[in-house]
Amino acid sequence: MGIGKTIDWKQPFWNKENTAAYSWCIKHGIKIYSVPCGKGFNNKTCWIEVNVNGRKQQSPKTYGPTELWPKVMELYKFYYDKNIRK
């Protein structure tokens, strides 16, 4: 049994806006992270799970290597904008 190809997951884009949204969410109990769809290191898709103060909700859609982290950052910005503008 040989080692298969590794999946190259795109890293999140950290700019000032994304960092502010991420920091605010973590401080207020909002965590957004990936959950692999299968076992092993060669998963090509993940779900996104949102944990708001212990209440977890998983995305119905799966995300691949290029779309996962942009969507996670989009969700962090969504929660930040939704709560900061009240």
N, C-alpha and C. Protein backbone atom coordinates (compact mmCIF):
# COMPACT_ATOMS: atom_id res chain seq x y z
N MET A 1 0.83 -1.17 0.00
CA MET A 1 0.00 0.00 0.00
C MET A 1 0.88 1.24 0.00
N GLY A 2 0.75 2.07 -0.99
CA GLY A 2 1.56 3.28 -1.09
C GLY A 2 0.84 4.49 -0.54
N ILE A 3 1.57 5.56 -0.45
CA ILE A 3 0.98 6.80 0.00
C ILE A 3 0.40 7.53 -1.20
N GLY A 4 -0.85 7.95 -1.09
CA GLY A 4 -1.52 8.65 -2.19
C GLY A 4 -1.13 10.12 -2.23
N LYS A 5 -1.66 10.80 -3.20
CA LYS A 5 -1.41 12.24 -3.31
C LYS A 5 -2.04 12.96 -2.12
N THR A 6 -1.38 13.99 -1.67
CA THR A 6 -1.97 14.80 -0.60
C THR A 6 -2.83 15.89 -1.22
N ILE A 7 -3.79 16.33 -0.48
CA ILE A 7 -4.69 17.37 -0.94
C ILE A 7 -4.12 18.72 -0.52
N ASP A 8 -4.05 19.66 -1.44
CA ASP A 8 -3.51 20.98 -1.16
C ASP A 8 -4.67 21.93 -0.82
N TRP A 9 -4.91 22.12 0.49
CA TRP A 9 -5.99 22.98 0.95
C TRP A 9 -5.54 24.42 0.91
N LYS A 10 -6.35 25.27 0.29
CA LYS A 10 -6.05 26.70 0.20
C LYS A 10 -6.12 27.32 1.60
N GLN A 11 -5.14 28.13 1.94
CA GLN A 11 -5.09 28.79 3.25
C GLN A 11 -6.03 30.00 3.28
N PRO A 12 -6.54 30.35 4.48
CA PRO A 12 -7.40 31.54 4.55
C PRO A 12 -6.62 32.81 4.26
N PHE A 13 -7.33 33.80 3.76
CA PHE A 13 -6.73 35.10 3.44
C PHE A 13 -6.87 36.00 4.67
N TRP A 14 -5.75 36.35 5.28
CA TRP A 14 -5.78 37.17 6.50
C TRP A 14 -5.48 38.62 6.16
N ASN A 15 -6.53 39.41 6.13
CA ASN A 15 -6.36 40.86 6.01
C ASN A 15 -6.90 41.48 7.30
N LYS A 16 -6.89 42.79 7.38
CA LYS A 16 -7.32 43.48 8.60
C LYS A 16 -8.78 43.18 8.94
N GLU A 17 -9.63 43.19 7.92
CA GLU A 17 -11.06 42.95 8.12
C GLU A 17 -11.34 41.51 8.59
N ASN A 18 -10.71 40.54 7.94
CA ASN A 18 -10.89 39.15 8.33
C ASN A 18 -10.37 38.88 9.74
N THR A 19 -9.24 39.48 10.07
CA THR A 19 -8.65 39.29 11.40
C THR A 19 -9.55 39.88 12.48
N ALA A 20 -10.12 41.05 12.22
CA ALA A 20 -11.02 41.69 13.18
C ALA A 20 -12.28 40.84 13.39
N ALA A 21 -12.84 40.34 12.31
CA ALA A 21 -14.05 39.51 12.40
C ALA A 21 -13.76 38.21 13.14
N TYR A 22 -12.65 37.56 12.82
CA TYR A 22 -12.26 36.32 13.47
C TYR A 22 -12.06 36.54 14.97
N SER A 23 -11.31 37.56 15.33
CA SER A 23 -11.03 37.86 16.74
C SER A 23 -12.31 38.14 17.52
N TRP A 24 -13.19 38.95 16.94
CA TRP A 24 -14.44 39.29 17.61
C TRP A 24 -15.28 38.03 17.84
N CYS A 25 -15.39 37.19 16.82
CA CYS A 25 -16.20 35.97 16.93
C CYS A 25 -15.65 35.03 18.01
N ILE A 26 -14.35 34.81 18.02
CA ILE A 26 -13.74 33.92 19.02
C ILE A 26 -14.00 34.46 20.43
N LYS A 27 -13.85 35.76 20.62
CA LYS A 27 -14.07 36.38 21.94
C LYS A 27 -15.53 36.25 22.39
N HIS A 28 -16.46 36.14 21.44
CA HIS A 28 -17.88 36.08 21.76
C HIS A 28 -18.46 34.66 21.59
N GLY A 29 -17.61 33.66 21.59
CA GLY A 29 -18.08 32.27 21.60
C GLY A 29 -18.56 31.73 20.27
N ILE A 30 -18.14 32.34 19.17
CA ILE A 30 -18.53 31.87 17.84
C ILE A 30 -17.31 31.24 17.18
N LYS A 31 -17.39 29.94 16.93
CA LYS A 31 -16.28 29.22 16.31
C LYS A 31 -16.79 28.56 15.03
N ILE A 32 -16.02 28.70 13.97
CA ILE A 32 -16.39 28.13 12.67
C ILE A 32 -15.20 27.32 12.18
N TYR A 33 -15.44 26.06 11.86
CA TYR A 33 -14.33 25.17 11.51
C TYR A 33 -14.79 24.08 10.55
N SER A 34 -13.82 23.37 9.98
CA SER A 34 -14.12 22.31 9.01
C SER A 34 -14.23 20.97 9.72
N VAL A 35 -15.10 20.12 9.18
CA VAL A 35 -15.28 18.75 9.65
C VAL A 35 -15.13 17.85 8.43
N PRO A 36 -14.14 16.95 8.42
CA PRO A 36 -13.93 16.11 7.25
C PRO A 36 -15.13 15.19 6.97
N CYS A 37 -15.40 14.96 5.71
CA CYS A 37 -16.52 14.10 5.31
C CYS A 37 -16.20 12.61 5.45
N GLY A 38 -14.94 12.26 5.54
CA GLY A 38 -14.55 10.86 5.66
C GLY A 38 -13.32 10.70 6.52
N LYS A 39 -12.89 9.46 6.67
CA LYS A 39 -11.72 9.17 7.48
C LYS A 39 -10.45 9.29 6.64
N GLY A 40 -9.33 9.45 7.33
CA GLY A 40 -8.03 9.48 6.65
C GLY A 40 -7.59 10.88 6.29
N PHE A 41 -6.40 10.92 5.70
CA PHE A 41 -5.79 12.21 5.36
C PHE A 41 -6.08 12.66 3.94
N ASN A 42 -6.72 11.84 3.14
CA ASN A 42 -6.96 12.18 1.74
C ASN A 42 -8.38 12.65 1.46
N ASN A 43 -9.00 13.26 2.45
CA ASN A 43 -10.35 13.80 2.25
C ASN A 43 -10.30 14.95 1.27
N LYS A 44 -11.23 14.94 0.35
CA LYS A 44 -11.28 16.02 -0.63
C LYS A 44 -12.42 16.98 -0.34
N THR A 45 -13.27 16.65 0.63
CA THR A 45 -14.39 17.53 0.96
C THR A 45 -14.58 17.60 2.48
N CYS A 46 -15.13 18.72 2.90
CA CYS A 46 -15.43 18.94 4.32
C CYS A 46 -16.76 19.66 4.45
N TRP A 47 -17.40 19.46 5.59
CA TRP A 47 -18.54 20.28 5.97
C TRP A 47 -18.00 21.44 6.79
N ILE A 48 -18.78 22.48 6.92
CA ILE A 48 -18.44 23.59 7.81
C ILE A 48 -19.38 23.50 9.01
N GLU A 49 -18.79 23.57 10.20
CA GLU A 49 -19.59 23.54 11.41
C GLU A 49 -19.48 24.88 12.11
N VAL A 50 -20.62 25.42 12.52
CA VAL A 50 -20.67 26.69 13.24
C VAL A 50 -21.10 26.37 14.67
N ASN A 51 -20.27 26.79 15.63
CA ASN A 51 -20.54 26.55 17.04
C ASN A 51 -20.71 27.91 17.70
N VAL A 52 -21.96 28.22 18.08
CA VAL A 52 -22.26 29.49 18.74
C VAL A 52 -22.61 29.18 20.19
N ASN A 53 -21.65 29.43 21.08
CA ASN A 53 -21.83 29.18 22.51
C ASN A 53 -22.36 27.78 22.81
N GLY A 54 -21.80 26.78 22.13
CA GLY A 54 -22.16 25.38 22.37
C GLY A 54 -23.25 24.83 21.46
N ARG A 55 -23.97 25.68 20.76
CA ARG A 55 -24.97 25.21 19.80
C ARG A 55 -24.30 25.02 18.46
N LYS A 56 -24.27 23.77 17.99
CA LYS A 56 -23.57 23.45 16.74
C LYS A 56 -24.56 23.27 15.60
N GLN A 57 -24.15 23.75 14.44
CA GLN A 57 -24.92 23.55 13.22
C GLN A 57 -23.95 23.25 12.08
N GLN A 58 -24.25 22.19 11.34
CA GLN A 58 -23.37 21.77 10.25
C GLN A 58 -23.99 22.16 8.91
N SER A 59 -23.13 22.57 7.99
CA SER A 59 -23.61 22.97 6.66
C SER A 59 -24.16 21.77 5.91
N PRO A 60 -25.21 21.97 5.12
CA PRO A 60 -25.73 20.87 4.30
C PRO A 60 -24.83 20.60 3.10
N LYS A 61 -24.08 21.60 2.69
CA LYS A 61 -23.21 21.51 1.52
C LYS A 61 -21.80 21.11 1.95
N THR A 62 -21.09 20.41 1.09
CA THR A 62 -19.68 20.11 1.34
C THR A 62 -18.82 21.07 0.53
N TYR A 63 -17.61 21.30 1.02
CA TYR A 63 -16.70 22.26 0.40
C TYR A 63 -15.37 21.58 0.08
N GLY A 64 -14.81 21.93 -1.06
CA GLY A 64 -13.54 21.38 -1.50
C GLY A 64 -12.37 22.24 -1.06
N PRO A 65 -11.16 21.86 -1.49
CA PRO A 65 -9.93 22.53 -1.05
C PRO A 65 -9.85 24.02 -1.37
N THR A 66 -10.45 24.46 -2.47
CA THR A 66 -10.31 25.88 -2.84
C THR A 66 -11.43 26.75 -2.29
N GLU A 67 -12.55 26.16 -1.90
CA GLU A 67 -13.69 26.95 -1.46
C GLU A 67 -13.94 26.93 0.03
N LEU A 68 -13.26 26.07 0.78
CA LEU A 68 -13.52 25.92 2.22
C LEU A 68 -13.18 27.17 3.01
N TRP A 69 -11.93 27.62 2.97
CA TRP A 69 -11.52 28.74 3.83
C TRP A 69 -12.11 30.08 3.42
N PRO A 70 -12.31 30.35 2.14
CA PRO A 70 -13.03 31.59 1.81
C PRO A 70 -14.45 31.60 2.40
N LYS A 71 -15.13 30.45 2.41
CA LYS A 71 -16.48 30.37 2.98
C LYS A 71 -16.43 30.53 4.49
N VAL A 72 -15.45 29.94 5.16
CA VAL A 72 -15.31 30.09 6.61
C VAL A 72 -15.11 31.57 6.96
N MET A 73 -14.24 32.25 6.22
CA MET A 73 -14.01 33.67 6.48
C MET A 73 -15.26 34.49 6.18
N GLU A 74 -16.00 34.12 5.16
CA GLU A 74 -17.26 34.81 4.84
C GLU A 74 -18.25 34.68 6.01
N LEU A 75 -18.30 33.50 6.61
CA LEU A 75 -19.20 33.28 7.75
C LEU A 75 -18.76 34.07 8.98
N TYR A 76 -17.45 34.12 9.24
CA TYR A 76 -16.95 34.94 10.36
C TYR A 76 -17.35 36.41 10.15
N LYS A 77 -17.19 36.90 8.92
CA LYS A 77 -17.56 38.29 8.63
C LYS A 77 -19.06 38.50 8.75
N PHE A 78 -19.85 37.50 8.37
CA PHE A 78 -21.30 37.59 8.50
C PHE A 78 -21.71 37.78 9.96
N TYR A 79 -21.20 36.93 10.85
CA TYR A 79 -21.55 37.02 12.27
C TYR A 79 -21.02 38.33 12.87
N TYR A 80 -19.86 38.74 12.48
CA TYR A 80 -19.27 40.00 12.97
C TYR A 80 -20.15 41.18 12.56
N ASP A 81 -20.47 41.28 11.27
CA ASP A 81 -21.28 42.38 10.76
C ASP A 81 -22.69 42.36 11.37
N LYS A 82 -23.27 41.19 11.50
CA LYS A 82 -24.63 41.05 12.04
C LYS A 82 -24.70 41.57 13.48
N ASN A 83 -23.69 41.30 14.28
CA ASN A 83 -23.73 41.66 15.69
C ASN A 83 -23.10 43.02 16.00
N ILE A 84 -22.17 43.45 15.22
CA ILE A 84 -21.49 44.72 15.48
C ILE A 84 -22.36 45.90 15.08
N ARG A 85 -23.25 45.71 14.12
CA ARG A 85 -24.07 46.80 13.58
C ARG A 85 -25.39 46.98 14.33
N LYS A 86 -25.63 46.22 15.41
CA LYS A 86 -26.89 46.33 16.17
C LYS A 86 -26.99 47.65 16.88
